[in-house]
Amino acid sequence: MPEFAAAFAFDVRAYVYLAISLGSALLSVIALTHCAVQKPDAFNAVGTLSKGAWLGILAVSLGLSVLFGLTSPGSGLIFTLVAIAAALVYLLDVRTGFKDLHGGGSSY
């Protein structure tokens, strides 16, 4: 019975790593797509890195997610977490700045 429990734990851990990796790749694609459609002048107005710098960071983030996260889940978890952090910084900081800049905030 303990052998079954150990095998089950390894299977669950592999699925959790896969879910984290897929989520990281999806988050990176969303951030990269949003960055690609923005005007370069908007980045200066928000007061952040240039569009090219963010495209590079997010492209590397997507590459880390796919290369380390999906090909070897578990062993590349640190790279997947770095990719998640980069995408979240863009989405939660820079994208929010764009919304404030364009007046896209809530009316409440």
Protein backbone atom coordinates (compact mmCIF):
# COMPACT_ATOMS: atom_id res chain seq x y z
CA MET A 1 0.00 0.00 0.00
CA PRO A 2 2.74 2.58 0.74
CA GLU A 3 4.19 2.02 -2.73
CA PHE A 4 0.88 3.05 -4.27
CA ALA A 5 0.78 6.20 -2.11
CA ALA A 6 4.31 7.18 -3.16
CA ALA A 7 3.51 6.65 -6.84
CA PHE A 8 0.30 8.63 -6.47
CA ALA A 9 2.16 11.51 -4.82
CA PHE A 10 4.66 11.67 -7.69
CA ASP A 11 1.83 11.67 -10.24
CA VAL A 12 0.02 14.49 -8.45
CA ARG A 13 3.22 16.50 -8.18
CA ALA A 14 3.86 16.10 -11.91
CA TYR A 15 0.34 17.34 -12.72
CA VAL A 16 0.74 20.34 -10.40
CA TYR A 17 4.06 21.25 -12.07
CA LEU A 18 2.43 20.87 -15.49
CA ALA A 19 -0.46 23.14 -14.47
CA ILE A 20 1.98 25.77 -13.17
CA SER A 21 3.99 25.55 -16.39
CA LEU A 22 0.94 25.87 -18.63
CA GLY A 23 -0.33 28.79 -16.56
CA SER A 24 3.06 30.47 -16.82
CA ALA A 25 3.15 30.06 -20.59
CA LEU A 26 -0.40 31.40 -20.94
CA LEU A 27 0.36 34.38 -18.70
CA SER A 28 3.49 35.14 -20.69
CA VAL A 29 1.60 34.98 -24.00
CA ILE A 30 -1.06 37.36 -22.69
CA ALA A 31 1.54 39.84 -21.44
CA LEU A 32 3.61 39.61 -24.63
CA THR A 33 0.54 40.13 -26.82
CA HIS A 34 -0.59 43.14 -24.80
CA CYS A 35 2.88 44.64 -24.97
CA ALA A 36 3.16 44.10 -28.71
CA VAL A 37 -0.01 46.06 -29.53
CA GLN A 38 0.85 49.12 -27.43
CA LYS A 39 2.35 52.27 -28.92
CA PRO A 40 6.01 52.87 -28.06
CA ASP A 41 5.26 56.41 -26.81
CA ALA A 42 2.90 55.06 -24.17
CA PHE A 43 5.77 53.35 -22.36
CA ASN A 44 7.56 56.69 -21.96
CA ALA A 45 4.36 58.34 -20.75
CA VAL A 46 3.88 55.67 -18.09
CA GLY A 47 7.50 56.05 -17.00
CA THR A 48 8.69 52.50 -17.44
CA LEU A 49 11.16 50.62 -19.61
CA SER A 50 10.91 50.99 -23.37
CA LYS A 51 8.66 48.81 -25.49
CA GLY A 52 11.64 46.93 -26.90
CA ALA A 53 12.95 46.15 -23.41
CA TRP A 54 9.57 44.82 -22.28
CA LEU A 55 9.17 42.77 -25.46
CA GLY A 56 12.58 41.24 -24.82
CA ILE A 57 11.85 40.50 -21.18
CA LEU A 58 8.48 38.95 -21.98
CA ALA A 59 9.86 36.94 -24.91
CA VAL A 60 12.54 35.49 -22.64
CA SER A 61 9.81 34.86 -20.07
CA LEU A 62 7.80 32.89 -22.62
CA GLY A 63 10.92 31.02 -23.70
CA LEU A 64 11.70 30.06 -20.10
CA SER A 65 8.14 28.89 -19.58
CA VAL A 66 8.16 26.69 -22.65
CA LEU A 67 11.74 25.45 -22.52
CA PHE A 68 12.07 24.64 -18.85
CA GLY A 69 8.48 24.42 -17.70
CA LEU A 70 6.88 22.26 -20.34
CA THR A 71 9.85 20.12 -21.36
CA SER A 72 11.03 19.25 -17.85
CA PRO A 73 8.36 20.08 -15.29
CA GLY A 74 9.73 20.15 -11.78
CA SER A 75 13.39 20.57 -12.53
CA GLY A 76 12.82 23.93 -14.21
CA LEU A 77 10.40 25.25 -11.61
CA ILE A 78 12.62 28.17 -10.64
CA PHE A 79 12.73 29.38 -14.26
CA THR A 80 8.97 29.03 -14.51
CA LEU A 81 8.55 31.14 -11.37
CA VAL A 82 10.88 33.81 -12.81
CA ALA A 83 8.74 33.85 -15.97
CA ILE A 84 5.57 34.23 -13.89
CA ALA A 85 7.13 37.11 -11.95
CA ALA A 86 8.16 38.97 -15.13
CA ALA A 87 4.71 38.60 -16.71
CA LEU A 88 2.96 39.66 -13.51
CA VAL A 89 5.14 42.76 -13.12
CA TYR A 90 4.19 43.80 -16.64
CA LEU A 91 0.50 43.04 -16.25
CA LEU A 92 0.05 44.47 -12.76
CA ASP A 93 2.30 47.52 -13.07
CA VAL A 94 2.74 48.60 -16.67
CA ARG A 95 -0.67 47.55 -17.98
CA THR A 96 -2.33 49.30 -15.04
CA GLY A 97 -0.36 52.42 -15.93
CA PHE A 98 -1.74 52.26 -19.46
CA LYS A 99 -5.28 52.00 -18.12
CA ASP A 100 -4.73 55.03 -15.91
CA LEU A 101 -3.13 56.92 -18.80
CA HIS A 102 -6.05 56.30 -21.14
CA GLY A 103 -8.71 56.86 -18.51
CA GLY A 104 -9.81 53.24 -18.65
CA GLY A 105 -10.30 53.03 -14.92
CA SER A 106 -13.55 52.19 -13.25
CA SER A 107 -16.21 54.86 -12.86
CA TYR A 108 -16.95 53.79 -9.27
